[in-house]
Amino acid sequence: EPEIHHVALDLAGWSREHAQRLSD
């Protein structure tokens, strides 16, 4: 499901960025 696949990966990147900013 291309929409699910690509959007979910983008959203995962947002959460990884949030986790990094929280760690900092």
PDB file of all heavy atoms in Angstrom:
ATOM      1  N   GLU A   1       0.866  -1.186   0.000  1.00  0.00           N
ATOM      2  CA  GLU A   1       0.000   0.000   0.000  1.00  0.00           C
ATOM      3  C   GLU A   1       0.903   1.238   0.000  1.00  0.00           C
ATOM      4  O   GLU A   1       1.360   1.674   1.060  1.00  0.00           O
ATOM      5  CB  GLU A   1      -0.899   0.018   1.242  1.00  0.00           C
ATOM      6  CG  GLU A   1      -1.850  -1.143   1.346  1.00  0.00           C
ATOM      7  CD  GLU A   1      -2.981  -1.050   0.343  1.00  0.00           C
ATOM      8  OE1 GLU A   1      -3.292   0.056  -0.132  1.00  0.00           O
ATOM      9  OE2 GLU A   1      -3.533  -2.115   0.019  1.00  0.00           O
ATOM     10  N   PRO A   2       1.185   1.811  -1.169  1.00  0.00           N
ATOM     11  CA  PRO A   2       2.173   2.901  -1.239  1.00  0.00           C
ATOM     12  C   PRO A   2       1.889   4.079  -0.298  1.00  0.00           C
ATOM     13  O   PRO A   2       2.814   4.602   0.324  1.00  0.00           O
ATOM     14  CB  PRO A   2       2.120   3.344  -2.706  1.00  0.00           C
ATOM     15  CG  PRO A   2       1.577   2.163  -3.433  1.00  0.00           C
ATOM     16  CD  PRO A   2       0.655   1.474  -2.483  1.00  0.00           C
ATOM     17  N   GLU A   3       0.628   4.498  -0.200  1.00  0.00           N
ATOM     18  CA  GLU A   3       0.338   5.641   0.665  1.00  0.00           C
ATOM     19  C   GLU A   3       0.654   5.321   2.123  1.00  0.00           C
ATOM     20  O   GLU A   3       1.268   6.130   2.824  1.00  0.00           O
ATOM     21  CB  GLU A   3      -1.118   6.088   0.540  1.00  0.00           C
ATOM     22  CG  GLU A   3      -1.404   7.299   1.426  1.00  0.00           C
ATOM     23  CD  GLU A   3      -2.829   7.805   1.301  1.00  0.00           C
ATOM     24  OE1 GLU A   3      -3.615   7.242   0.536  1.00  0.00           O
ATOM     25  OE2 GLU A   3      -3.123   8.781   2.004  1.00  0.00           O
ATOM     26  N   ILE A   4       0.256   4.147   2.568  1.00  0.00           N
ATOM     27  CA  ILE A   4       0.535   3.745   3.942  1.00  0.00           C
ATOM     28  C   ILE A   4       2.042   3.648   4.140  1.00  0.00           C
ATOM     29  O   ILE A   4       2.596   4.205   5.099  1.00  0.00           O
ATOM     30  CB  ILE A   4      -0.133   2.383   4.273  1.00  0.00           C
ATOM     31  CG1 ILE A   4      -1.652   2.464   4.120  1.00  0.00           C
ATOM     32  CG2 ILE A   4       0.283   1.891   5.652  1.00  0.00           C
ATOM     33  CD1 ILE A   4      -2.339   3.421   5.048  1.00  0.00           C
ATOM     34  N   HIS A   5       2.699   2.961   3.235  1.00  0.00           N
ATOM     35  CA  HIS A   5       4.137   2.731   3.362  1.00  0.00           C
ATOM     36  C   HIS A   5       4.916   4.047   3.462  1.00  0.00           C
ATOM     37  O   HIS A   5       5.677   4.258   4.409  1.00  0.00           O
ATOM     38  CB  HIS A   5       4.634   1.895   2.175  1.00  0.00           C
ATOM     39  CG  HIS A   5       6.110   1.667   2.184  1.00  0.00           C
ATOM     40  ND1 HIS A   5       6.721   0.786   3.040  1.00  0.00           N
ATOM     41  CD2 HIS A   5       7.097   2.226   1.451  1.00  0.00           C
ATOM     42  CE1 HIS A   5       8.016   0.802   2.833  1.00  0.00           C
ATOM     43  NE2 HIS A   5       8.271   1.663   1.875  1.00  0.00           N
ATOM     44  N   HIS A   6       4.721   4.929   2.494  1.00  0.00           N
ATOM     45  CA  HIS A   6       5.534   6.148   2.433  1.00  0.00           C
ATOM     46  C   HIS A   6       5.170   7.154   3.526  1.00  0.00           C
ATOM     47  O   HIS A   6       6.059   7.743   4.149  1.00  0.00           O
ATOM     48  CB  HIS A   6       5.439   6.781   1.044  1.00  0.00           C
ATOM     49  CG  HIS A   6       6.057   5.929  -0.010  1.00  0.00           C
ATOM     50  ND1 HIS A   6       7.402   5.658  -0.075  1.00  0.00           N
ATOM     51  CD2 HIS A   6       5.496   5.244  -1.035  1.00  0.00           C
ATOM     52  CE1 HIS A   6       7.652   4.865  -1.092  1.00  0.00           C
ATOM     53  NE2 HIS A   6       6.511   4.592  -1.697  1.00  0.00           N
ATOM     54  N   VAL A   7       3.888   7.337   3.767  1.00  0.00           N
ATOM     55  CA  VAL A   7       3.493   8.307   4.796  1.00  0.00           C
ATOM     56  C   VAL A   7       3.924   7.813   6.181  1.00  0.00           C
ATOM     57  O   VAL A   7       4.445   8.590   6.989  1.00  0.00           O
ATOM     58  CB  VAL A   7       1.975   8.610   4.752  1.00  0.00           C
ATOM     59  CG1 VAL A   7       1.569   9.509   5.910  1.00  0.00           C
ATOM     60  CG2 VAL A   7       1.609   9.263   3.424  1.00  0.00           C
ATOM     61  N   ALA A   8       3.742   6.538   6.461  1.00  0.00           N
ATOM     62  CA  ALA A   8       4.138   6.008   7.768  1.00  0.00           C
ATOM     63  C   ALA A   8       5.644   6.177   7.988  1.00  0.00           C
ATOM     64  O   ALA A   8       6.071   6.508   9.102  1.00  0.00           O
ATOM     65  CB  ALA A   8       3.732   4.546   7.901  1.00  0.00           C
ATOM     66  N   LEU A   9       6.441   5.982   6.946  1.00  0.00           N
ATOM     67  CA  LEU A   9       7.889   6.196   7.084  1.00  0.00           C
ATOM     68  C   LEU A   9       8.198   7.662   7.378  1.00  0.00           C
ATOM     69  O   LEU A   9       9.065   7.965   8.208  1.00  0.00           O
ATOM     70  CB  LEU A   9       8.633   5.727   5.830  1.00  0.00           C
ATOM     71  CG  LEU A   9       8.712   4.216   5.631  1.00  0.00           C
ATOM     72  CD1 LEU A   9       9.406   3.899   4.311  1.00  0.00           C
ATOM     73  CD2 LEU A   9       9.424   3.538   6.804  1.00  0.00           C
ATOM     74  N   ASP A  10       7.504   8.575   6.698  1.00  0.00           N
ATOM     75  CA  ASP A  10       7.707  10.005   6.971  1.00  0.00           C
ATOM     76  C   ASP A  10       7.327  10.344   8.412  1.00  0.00           C
ATOM     77  O   ASP A  10       8.054  11.058   9.107  1.00  0.00           O
ATOM     78  CB  ASP A  10       6.875  10.865   6.018  1.00  0.00           C
ATOM     79  CG  ASP A  10       7.421  10.872   4.595  1.00  0.00           C
ATOM     80  OD1 ASP A  10       8.579  10.441   4.384  1.00  0.00           O
ATOM     81  OD2 ASP A  10       6.673  11.293   3.690  1.00  0.00           O
ATOM     82  N   LEU A  11       6.195   9.821   8.859  1.00  0.00           N
ATOM     83  CA  LEU A  11       5.736  10.099  10.225  1.00  0.00           C
ATOM     84  C   LEU A  11       6.677   9.490  11.260  1.00  0.00           C
ATOM     85  O   LEU A  11       6.891  10.072  12.337  1.00  0.00           O
ATOM     86  CB  LEU A  11       4.314   9.573  10.431  1.00  0.00           C
ATOM     87  CG  LEU A  11       3.222  10.186   9.547  1.00  0.00           C
ATOM     88  CD1 LEU A  11       1.870   9.570   9.869  1.00  0.00           C
ATOM     89  CD2 LEU A  11       3.186  11.693   9.658  1.00  0.00           C
ATOM     90  N   ALA A  12       7.251   8.340  10.950  1.00  0.00           N
ATOM     91  CA  ALA A  12       8.233   7.728  11.850  1.00  0.00           C
ATOM     92  C   ALA A  12       9.450   8.642  12.001  1.00  0.00           C
ATOM     93  O   ALA A  12      10.001   8.780  13.099  1.00  0.00           O
ATOM     94  CB  ALA A  12       8.656   6.354  11.332  1.00  0.00           C
ATOM     95  N   GLY A  13       9.830   9.282  10.914  1.00  0.00           N
ATOM     96  CA  GLY A  13      10.944  10.235  10.970  1.00  0.00           C
ATOM     97  C   GLY A  13      10.653  11.395  11.904  1.00  0.00           C
ATOM     98  O   GLY A  13      11.535  11.860  12.630  1.00  0.00           O
ATOM     99  N   TRP A  14       9.406  11.854  11.907  1.00  0.00           N
ATOM    100  CA  TRP A  14       9.029  12.930  12.832  1.00  0.00           C
ATOM    101  C   TRP A  14       9.210  12.467  14.278  1.00  0.00           C
ATOM    102  O   TRP A  14       9.742  13.205  15.109  1.00  0.00           O
ATOM    103  CB  TRP A  14       7.580  13.344  12.626  1.00  0.00           C
ATOM    104  CG  TRP A  14       7.259  13.974  11.302  1.00  0.00           C
ATOM    105  CD1 TRP A  14       8.123  14.261  10.282  1.00  0.00           C
ATOM    106  CD2 TRP A  14       5.971  14.391  10.868  1.00  0.00           C
ATOM    107  NE1 TRP A  14       7.428  14.829   9.229  1.00  0.00           N
ATOM    108  CE2 TRP A  14       6.110  14.925   9.569  1.00  0.00           C
ATOM    109  CE3 TRP A  14       4.707  14.357  11.442  1.00  0.00           C
ATOM    110  CZ2 TRP A  14       5.047  15.419   8.838  1.00  0.00           C
ATOM    111  CZ3 TRP A  14       3.643  14.850  10.719  1.00  0.00           C
ATOM    112  CH2 TRP A  14       3.808  15.385   9.434  1.00  0.00           C
ATOM    113  N   SER A  15       8.762  11.262  14.576  1.00  0.00           N
ATOM    114  CA  SER A  15       8.880  10.766  15.949  1.00  0.00           C
ATOM    115  C   SER A  15      10.341  10.549  16.336  1.00  0.00           C
ATOM    116  O   SER A  15      10.726  10.814  17.474  1.00  0.00           O
ATOM    117  CB  SER A  15       8.077   9.477  16.133  1.00  0.00           C
ATOM    118  OG  SER A  15       6.701   9.781  16.230  1.00  0.00           O
ATOM    119  N   ARG A  16      11.156  10.086  15.404  1.00  0.00           N
ATOM    120  CA  ARG A  16      12.589   9.938  15.706  1.00  0.00           C
ATOM    121  C   ARG A  16      13.212  11.302  15.995  1.00  0.00           C
ATOM    122  O   ARG A  16      14.031  11.444  16.905  1.00  0.00           O
ATOM    123  CB  ARG A  16      13.315   9.241  14.560  1.00  0.00           C
ATOM    124  CG  ARG A  16      13.130   7.739  14.558  1.00  0.00           C
ATOM    125  CD  ARG A  16      14.068   7.046  13.573  1.00  0.00           C
ATOM    126  NE  ARG A  16      13.811   7.437  12.194  1.00  0.00           N
ATOM    127  CZ  ARG A  16      12.860   6.907  11.426  1.00  0.00           C
ATOM    128  NH1 ARG A  16      12.083   5.967  11.897  1.00  0.00           N
ATOM    129  NH2 ARG A  16      12.701   7.314  10.191  1.00  0.00           N
ATOM    130  N   GLU A  17      12.813  12.311  15.218  1.00  0.00           N
ATOM    131  CA  GLU A  17      13.324  13.666  15.465  1.00  0.00           C
ATOM    132  C   GLU A  17      12.871  14.166  16.837  1.00  0.00           C
ATOM    133  O   GLU A  17      13.657  14.757  17.584  1.00  0.00           O
ATOM    134  CB  GLU A  17      12.845  14.625  14.380  1.00  0.00           C
ATOM    135  CG  GLU A  17      13.307  16.060  14.614  1.00  0.00           C
ATOM    136  CD  GLU A  17      12.699  17.046  13.636  1.00  0.00           C
ATOM    137  OE1 GLU A  17      12.285  16.645  12.536  1.00  0.00           O
ATOM    138  OE2 GLU A  17      12.623  18.233  14.007  1.00  0.00           O
ATOM    139  N   HIS A  18      11.613  13.914  17.182  1.00  0.00           N
ATOM    140  CA  HIS A  18      11.106  14.313  18.502  1.00  0.00           C
ATOM    141  C   HIS A  18      11.918  13.643  19.609  1.00  0.00           C
ATOM    142  O   HIS A  18      12.292  14.296  20.594  1.00  0.00           O
ATOM    143  CB  HIS A  18       9.636  13.939  18.668  1.00  0.00           C
ATOM    144  CG  HIS A  18       8.720  14.689  17.764  1.00  0.00           C
ATOM    145  ND1 HIS A  18       7.393  14.353  17.645  1.00  0.00           N
ATOM    146  CD2 HIS A  18       8.916  15.732  16.934  1.00  0.00           C
ATOM    147  CE1 HIS A  18       6.815  15.173  16.786  1.00  0.00           C
ATOM    148  NE2 HIS A  18       7.720  16.011  16.335  1.00  0.00           N
ATOM    149  N   ALA A  19      12.183  12.346  19.451  1.00  0.00           N
ATOM    150  CA  ALA A  19      12.943  11.609  20.461  1.00  0.00           C
ATOM    151  C   ALA A  19      14.344  12.200  20.611  1.00  0.00           C
ATOM    152  O   ALA A  19      14.845  12.343  21.733  1.00  0.00           O
ATOM    153  CB  ALA A  19      13.013  10.121  20.109  1.00  0.00           C
ATOM    154  N   GLN A  20      14.956  12.559  19.498  1.00  0.00           N
ATOM    155  CA  GLN A  20      16.295  13.154  19.564  1.00  0.00           C
ATOM    156  C   GLN A  20      16.252  14.514  20.263  1.00  0.00           C
ATOM    157  O   GLN A  20      17.098  14.812  21.107  1.00  0.00           O
ATOM    158  CB  GLN A  20      16.891  13.307  18.159  1.00  0.00           C
ATOM    159  CG  GLN A  20      18.288  13.882  18.157  1.00  0.00           C
ATOM    160  CD  GLN A  20      19.256  13.037  18.948  1.00  0.00           C
ATOM    161  OE1 GLN A  20      19.373  11.836  18.707  1.00  0.00           O
ATOM    162  NE2 GLN A  20      19.956  13.633  19.913  1.00  0.00           N
ATOM    163  N   ARG A  21      15.278  15.325  19.934  1.00  0.00           N
ATOM    164  CA  ARG A  21      15.160  16.634  20.577  1.00  0.00           C
ATOM    165  C   ARG A  21      14.873  16.496  22.067  1.00  0.00           C
ATOM    166  O   ARG A  21      15.394  17.257  22.880  1.00  0.00           O
ATOM    167  CB  ARG A  21      14.078  17.459  19.877  1.00  0.00           C
ATOM    168  CG  ARG A  21      14.489  17.863  18.459  1.00  0.00           C
ATOM    169  CD  ARG A  21      13.484  18.733  17.791  1.00  0.00           C
ATOM    170  NE  ARG A  21      13.389  20.013  18.490  1.00  0.00           N
ATOM    171  CZ  ARG A  21      12.461  20.928  18.225  1.00  0.00           C
ATOM    172  NH1 ARG A  21      11.571  20.705  17.274  1.00  0.00           N
ATOM    173  NH2 ARG A  21      12.421  22.053  18.899  1.00  0.00           N
ATOM    174  N   LEU A  22      14.056  15.505  22.430  1.00  0.00           N
ATOM    175  CA  LEU A  22      13.793  15.247  23.853  1.00  0.00           C
ATOM    176  C   LEU A  22      15.069  14.811  24.564  1.00  0.00           C
ATOM    177  O   LEU A  22      15.333  15.247  25.687  1.00  0.00           O
ATOM    178  CB  LEU A  22      12.713  14.177  24.005  1.00  0.00           C
ATOM    179  CG  LEU A  22      11.295  14.651  23.729  1.00  0.00           C
ATOM    180  CD1 LEU A  22      10.388  13.467  23.395  1.00  0.00           C
ATOM    181  CD2 LEU A  22      10.757  15.435  24.919  1.00  0.00           C
ATOM    182  N   SER A  23      15.854  13.971  23.911  1.00  0.00           N
ATOM    183  CA  SER A  23      17.112  13.521  24.498  1.00  0.00           C
ATOM    184  C   SER A  23      18.065  14.694  24.717  1.00  0.00           C
ATOM    185  O   SER A  23      18.694  14.812  25.779  1.00  0.00           O
ATOM    186  CB  SER A  23      17.758  12.472  23.593  1.00  0.00           C
ATOM    187  OG  SER A  23      18.931  11.971  24.166  1.00  0.00           O
ATOM    188  N   ASP A  24      18.161  15.566  23.722  1.00  0.00           N
ATOM    189  CA  ASP A  24      19.023  16.747  23.848  1.00  0.00           C
ATOM    190  C   ASP A  24      18.568  17.644  24.989  1.00  0.00           C
ATOM    191  O   ASP A  24      19.381  18.141  25.774  1.00  0.00           O
ATOM    192  CB  ASP A  24      19.042  17.546  22.539  1.00  0.00           C
ATOM    193  CG  ASP A  24      19.682  16.777  21.389  1.00  0.00           C
ATOM    194  OD1 ASP A  24      20.378  15.765  21.635  1.00  0.00           O
ATOM    195  OD2 ASP A  24      19.460  17.188  20.224  1.00  0.00           O
TER     196      ASP A  24
END
